[in-house]
Structures are given as structure tokens and as C-alpha cells.
Protein backbone atom coordinates (compact mmCIF):
# COMPACT_ATOMS: atom_id res chain seq x y z
CA MET A 1 5.30 5.33 30.33
CA ASN A 2 7.03 1.74 29.46
CA LEU A 3 5.97 0.86 25.77
CA GLU A 4 7.27 -2.68 26.31
CA LEU A 5 8.94 -2.70 23.50
CA THR A 6 12.53 -3.50 24.80
CA GLY A 7 13.17 -6.83 22.19
CA LYS A 8 10.76 -6.65 20.28
CA ARG A 9 12.01 -7.26 16.35
CA ALA A 10 10.64 -4.45 14.00
CA LEU A 11 10.60 -3.94 10.14
CA VAL A 12 10.60 -0.31 8.72
CA PHE A 13 9.81 0.38 5.27
CA GLY A 14 11.10 3.96 3.72
CA ALA A 15 13.70 3.82 6.86
CA GLY A 16 16.43 5.47 4.82
CA SER A 17 14.98 8.94 5.62
CA GLY A 18 11.37 11.09 6.27
CA LEU A 19 8.59 9.31 7.71
CA GLY A 20 10.12 5.95 7.96
CA ARG A 21 13.54 7.20 9.83
CA ALA A 22 11.51 8.92 12.24
CA VAL A 23 9.34 5.58 12.77
CA ALA A 24 13.25 3.56 13.49
CA LEU A 25 14.39 6.13 15.67
CA SER A 26 11.12 6.12 18.05
CA LEU A 27 11.04 2.28 18.00
CA ALA A 28 14.62 1.68 18.39
CA ALA A 29 14.80 4.36 21.32
CA GLU A 30 12.06 1.94 22.71
CA GLY A 31 14.14 -0.51 23.17
CA ALA A 32 13.04 -2.43 19.63
CA HIS A 33 15.73 -4.19 17.31
CA VAL A 34 14.38 -2.14 14.11
CA LEU A 35 15.76 -3.29 10.34
CA CYS A 36 15.22 -0.28 8.40
CA ALA A 37 14.43 -1.29 4.76
CA GLY A 38 14.53 0.55 1.84
CA ARG A 39 16.34 1.27 -2.28
CA THR A 40 19.10 3.03 -0.91
CA ALA A 41 22.12 1.96 1.26
CA GLU A 42 23.59 4.99 2.11
CA LYS A 43 20.55 6.57 3.03
CA LEU A 44 19.53 3.21 5.38
CA GLN A 45 23.07 3.22 6.75
CA GLU A 46 22.80 6.65 7.85
CA THR A 47 19.43 6.15 9.59
CA VAL A 48 21.49 2.64 11.59
CA ARG A 49 24.41 5.80 12.22
CA LEU A 50 21.87 8.22 14.19
CA VAL A 51 19.76 5.00 15.75
CA GLU A 52 23.29 3.86 17.28
CA GLU A 53 24.14 7.06 17.94
CA ALA A 54 21.38 7.45 19.88
CA LYS A 55 22.10 4.08 21.99
CA GLY A 56 19.48 2.20 19.75
CA ARG A 57 19.93 -1.05 18.04
CA ALA A 58 19.33 -1.21 14.02
CA SER A 59 20.31 -2.94 10.62
CA ALA A 60 19.80 -1.74 7.60
CA LEU A 61 18.60 -4.21 4.36
CA VAL A 62 18.11 -3.05 0.73
CA TRP A 63 14.67 -4.17 -0.04
CA ASP A 64 12.86 -3.24 -3.20
CA VAL A 65 9.72 -3.90 -2.40
CA THR A 66 8.19 -3.28 -5.04
CA ASP A 67 9.91 -6.06 -6.84
CA PRO A 68 7.59 -9.42 -6.02
CA GLU A 69 10.30 -11.42 -7.24
CA VAL A 70 12.45 -11.11 -4.09
CA LEU A 71 9.61 -11.06 -1.18
CA GLU A 72 10.28 -14.21 -0.02
CA ASP A 73 13.70 -14.27 -0.10
CA ARG A 74 14.13 -10.63 1.60
CA LEU A 75 12.18 -11.74 4.23
CA THR A 76 14.15 -14.93 4.82
CA GLN A 77 17.50 -12.38 5.42
CA ALA A 78 15.24 -9.79 7.54
CA LYS A 79 14.43 -12.89 9.80
CA HIS A 80 18.18 -14.47 10.09
CA VAL A 81 19.25 -10.74 10.94
CA LEU A 82 16.63 -9.91 13.25
CA ASN A 83 17.31 -13.38 14.57
CA GLY A 84 13.32 -13.78 14.83
CA SER A 85 10.56 -13.65 13.20
CA VAL A 86 8.85 -10.36 12.03
CA GLN A 87 6.69 -9.06 15.54
CA VAL A 88 5.79 -5.20 14.30
CA LEU A 89 5.39 -4.59 10.62
CA PHE A 90 5.63 -1.01 9.47
CA ASN A 91 4.03 -0.56 5.72
CA ASN A 92 5.36 2.42 3.70
CA GLY A 93 6.07 3.36 0.74
CA GLY A 94 6.68 6.60 -1.70
CA GLY A 95 3.53 8.66 -2.90
CA PRO A 96 2.41 8.83 -6.64
CA PRO A 97 3.35 11.75 -8.59
CA PRO A 98 0.27 14.86 -8.83
CA SER A 99 -2.52 14.16 -10.88
CA LEU A 100 -5.79 14.64 -11.82
CA ALA A 101 -8.52 11.96 -11.35
CA GLN A 102 -9.33 12.22 -15.13
CA GLY A 103 -7.68 11.43 -18.11
CA GLN A 104 -4.86 8.92 -16.67
CA PRO A 105 -3.74 6.33 -18.67
CA ARG A 106 -4.95 3.19 -17.55
CA GLU A 107 -1.36 1.59 -17.25
CA THR A 108 -0.88 4.29 -14.96
CA TRP A 109 -2.90 3.38 -12.60
CA ALA A 110 -1.86 -0.23 -13.15
CA ALA A 111 1.90 0.69 -12.16
CA GLN A 112 0.89 2.96 -9.42
CA TYR A 113 -1.24 0.06 -7.75
CA ARG A 114 1.50 -2.91 -8.53
CA ASN A 115 3.95 0.33 -6.47
CA LEU A 116 2.03 1.68 -3.65
CA VAL A 117 -0.85 -1.09 -3.01
CA ALA A 118 0.09 -4.33 -3.83
CA PRO A 119 3.62 -4.62 -2.05
CA VAL A 120 1.62 -3.46 1.26
CA ILE A 121 -0.20 -6.90 1.17
CA ALA A 122 2.09 -8.84 -0.23
CA VAL A 123 4.65 -8.24 2.99
CA THR A 124 1.61 -8.64 4.85
CA ASP A 125 0.44 -12.00 4.14
CA LEU A 126 4.20 -12.83 4.66
CA VAL A 127 4.64 -11.72 8.02
CA LEU A 128 0.82 -12.78 9.62
CA PRO A 129 1.85 -16.63 9.95
CA ASP A 130 4.55 -15.71 12.46
CA MET A 131 2.67 -13.41 13.96
CA LYS A 132 -0.35 -15.95 14.69
CA ALA A 133 2.01 -18.49 15.98
CA GLU A 134 3.71 -15.98 18.32
CA GLY A 135 -0.39 -14.91 19.12
CA TRP A 136 1.72 -11.40 19.26
CA GLY A 137 1.99 -8.42 16.14
CA ARG A 138 1.55 -5.19 15.33
CA VAL A 139 0.87 -4.06 11.14
CA ILE A 140 0.55 -0.49 11.22
CA THR A 141 0.58 1.26 7.39
CA ASN A 142 1.38 5.05 6.74
CA THR A 143 -1.23 6.48 4.03
CA SER A 144 -2.03 10.06 3.56
CA SER A 145 -4.83 12.88 4.90
CA GLY A 146 -6.65 12.37 1.60
CA VAL A 147 -7.85 9.33 2.58
CA ILE A 148 -10.67 11.34 4.69
CA ALA A 149 -10.19 14.99 3.15
CA PRO A 150 -8.99 14.52 -0.80
CA ILE A 151 -6.24 16.73 -1.83
CA PRO A 152 -6.95 18.63 -5.14
CA ASN A 153 -4.51 17.37 -8.08
CA LEU A 154 -3.34 14.07 -5.83
CA ALA A 155 -5.68 11.95 -7.40
CA MET A 156 -3.76 8.90 -7.58
CA SER A 157 -2.71 9.02 -3.52
CA ASN A 158 -6.09 10.00 -2.85
CA SER A 159 -7.44 6.66 -4.39
CA LEU A 160 -4.95 4.62 -4.02
CA ARG A 161 -3.92 4.46 -0.05
CA GLY A 162 -8.10 4.54 0.47
CA ALA A 163 -7.78 1.35 -1.03
CA LEU A 164 -5.18 0.27 2.11
CA VAL A 165 -7.90 1.78 4.46
CA GLY A 166 -10.45 -0.84 3.24
CA TRP A 167 -8.09 -3.66 3.14
CA SER A 168 -6.39 -2.84 6.60
CA LYS A 169 -9.68 -2.44 8.51
CA THR A 170 -10.83 -5.68 7.03
CA LEU A 171 -7.97 -7.16 7.70
CA ALA A 172 -8.10 -6.50 11.44
CA SER A 173 -10.50 -7.80 11.85
CA GLU A 174 -9.59 -11.23 10.98
CA VAL A 175 -6.87 -10.97 13.12
CA ALA A 176 -7.87 -9.33 16.43
CA ALA A 177 -8.42 -12.39 18.21
CA GLN A 178 -5.37 -14.17 17.81
CA GLY A 179 -3.50 -10.69 19.46
CA ILE A 180 -2.41 -9.28 16.05
CA THR A 181 -3.59 -5.14 15.66
CA VAL A 182 -4.12 -3.50 12.43
CA ASN A 183 -3.90 -0.10 12.29
CA ILE A 184 -3.54 3.22 9.77
CA VAL A 185 -1.65 6.22 10.62
CA ILE A 186 -2.37 9.00 8.72
CA PRO A 187 -0.06 12.38 8.71
CA GLY A 188 -0.84 15.38 8.13
CA ARG A 189 1.75 18.51 6.74
CA ILE A 190 4.83 16.99 8.48
CA ALA A 191 8.04 18.06 7.91
CA THR A 192 9.60 15.97 5.14
CA GLU A 193 11.13 16.28 1.84
CA ARG A 194 7.72 14.73 0.18
CA THR A 195 5.98 18.06 1.91
CA ASP A 196 8.32 20.48 0.46
CA PHE A 197 8.11 18.06 -2.77
CA LEU A 198 4.01 18.74 -2.76
CA ASP A 199 4.64 22.27 -1.75
CA ALA A 200 6.89 22.98 -4.69
CA SER A 201 4.94 21.50 -7.24
CA ARG A 202 2.14 23.43 -5.93
CA ALA A 203 3.74 26.58 -6.56
CA ALA A 204 4.28 25.74 -9.86
CA ARG A 205 1.13 24.86 -10.56
CA GLU A 206 -0.52 28.56 -9.42
CA GLY A 207 2.09 30.31 -10.10
CA VAL A 208 3.13 31.40 -6.89
CA SER A 209 6.31 31.52 -4.42
CA VAL A 210 6.70 28.66 -2.27
CA GLU A 211 6.52 30.87 0.48
CA GLU A 212 2.80 31.78 -0.05
CA VAL A 213 2.07 28.27 -0.29
CA ARG A 214 3.77 27.32 2.48
CA ALA A 215 1.87 30.40 4.69
CA LYS A 216 -1.77 29.02 3.48
CA SER A 217 -1.13 25.46 4.27
CA LEU A 218 0.05 26.97 7.81
CA ALA A 219 -3.22 29.13 7.99
CA SER A 220 -5.31 25.80 7.64
CA ILE A 221 -3.94 23.83 10.33
CA PRO A 222 -4.97 25.04 14.12
CA ALA A 223 -1.34 24.25 15.44
CA ARG A 224 -0.15 26.82 12.73
CA ARG A 225 2.96 24.54 12.42
CA TYR A 226 4.28 21.49 10.30
CA GLY A 227 4.82 18.83 12.61
CA GLU A 228 7.78 17.34 13.60
CA LEU A 229 8.99 14.16 12.37
CA ARG A 230 9.62 12.44 15.97
CA GLU A 231 5.83 13.72 16.88
CA TYR A 232 5.03 11.15 13.75
CA GLY A 233 7.80 8.61 14.95
CA ASP A 234 6.54 8.51 18.52
CA VAL A 235 2.64 7.66 17.96
CA VAL A 236 3.55 4.51 15.46
CA ALA A 237 5.59 3.59 18.73
CA PHE A 238 2.52 3.68 20.74
CA LEU A 239 0.90 2.03 18.49
CA ALA A 240 3.05 -0.96 18.24
CA SER A 241 3.61 -1.70 22.12
CA THR A 242 1.80 -3.57 23.94
CA ARG A 243 0.11 -0.74 25.65
CA ALA A 244 -2.03 0.01 22.38
CA SER A 245 -2.85 -3.68 22.31
CA TYR A 246 -6.85 -2.56 22.25
CA ILE A 247 -6.75 0.00 19.08
CA THR A 248 -7.11 -2.01 16.21
CA GLY A 249 -8.77 -1.04 13.00
CA SER A 250 -8.46 2.70 13.78
CA MET A 251 -7.04 5.57 11.55
CA VAL A 252 -5.46 7.82 13.92
CA ARG A 253 -4.40 11.52 12.46
CA ILE A 254 -1.55 13.06 13.15
CA ASP A 255 -2.51 16.31 11.70
CA GLY A 256 -2.48 19.07 14.45
CA GLY A 257 -5.82 19.32 13.66
CA ALA A 258 -5.89 20.32 10.04
CA ILE A 259 -8.37 17.87 8.85
CA SER A 260 -11.61 19.59 9.56
CA SER A 261 -14.48 16.54 9.51
CA VAL A 262 -14.90 14.61 12.30
């Protein structure tokens, strides 16, 4: 299937590793020019190298999306590097630290909101005018399975990512008639450094080995394995494509069947 992404201009956040890198690789494989954004230049350049090795096209831009003072300047740079406006936006930020729902300082909640929620809304607001002018755009936001089935000891992630779900669904209804789709992707246990960290944190909390934690996780996944990065990236690439023009306001699970609810 031709996803008709050749020549499309994509901005991918968190592209230096993990899910963001997977998305960058998948979009580039379909012919998009991918601008890899993130905090660490070396990691971004490694993603660019991997894309170019696969005969794709990518560029890098160091961008701390949590700094509101640089947003407009960085977007101007992004449009210059892409030689045009952003047509595909992949919102992706680091997860909050493990935490209980109770007893967290108000300042911590506010800081995590500024890190995880506010930047996604701000960047999307900046790219939407150009998408509207072109009559075409894709906004895809990464969240977590915790927005459907809250994950113990990840209260901040469950709550703040849940806010992004409500925002995304509302935005989808506002811009659908202008050729812009807005969707949420929900990764389950994808094999990333973040997953390794969460497995290790759970092992320490429960006083068991990481191997035991992993075994319990695998037993809860009908597919009996963690997802591969490419499997995640390819789903996002499809949602970014012209073939997915009638999919908007949706939450797409990439979890091997792990979420038991309908």
C-alpha cells in the first residue's frame, strides 16, 4: 500500500530514541522529510544517521519543547529546515516519574503539567494555522495505556496524559472539516528504555527481580511479548498518511491485546 507520504514534511518530537526514533524511521521509510526534534544533539544525529542509512531523508533540531520562550523561534527554524510548513506533527514527551495519586506536592503537579501537557498544546496551536491554510494536516499524540486502564504508581502519567486525550478529541471535532486529523496513539509494553526503567522500578518496589517483573508482564499480554519499535512506528506512519483521512478523534492501541477493556 502506498501511504502517499512522499515529500510530506514531518516534525517528530522525542526523536532521539525510543518511540520517537521509531516514528521518524517509519515516516522516512515512506518518503517523508522528517525533522527530528529533541534535547540531545548526539541522539538526534544518530537518528538522522539511521534514516539516511535506510535511504530516507531527515534533519535534526535541538528543541527543548518545555521552554515556552523558544517555541516560535524553533518553529521558524523548523520551517526553514523543512523548506515549508509542518504537515505531520508527532507529539511525544517523556513520562513523569512514578508516583502515587495522593500526597504529591501541588508544585510537582504543576511542573509536570508544564512539562507534559502545556508544550503539546502550544506546539500544536503553532502549526495548525499552516495546516488549515493547506487544507491538510496530521496531529498525532503519544500517550500511555494508563489513560484507559490506570497503571499503579503512575498517577501523574495516568492523569496528565488523560488530559491530552480530552484535548485531542475536542480538537479533532474542531478541525476535521479543514482536512486535519487528530489522533491519540496508546502504546502498551513496547521494548524501550522507558519500559526497562519502569520494569526496574517495579522490581525495586516489590522486592523481586526484573526477570520476575518481566515474566508477569508477558503473562498479562495476549501476544506474550513486548512490542517492537517498528510495529509502533508503522502504525503512526499509517495514521499520518492520506489513506487514514477518515480516522480522527480516535485512540489507537498498540498493545498486543494487553488492555482488557473494550
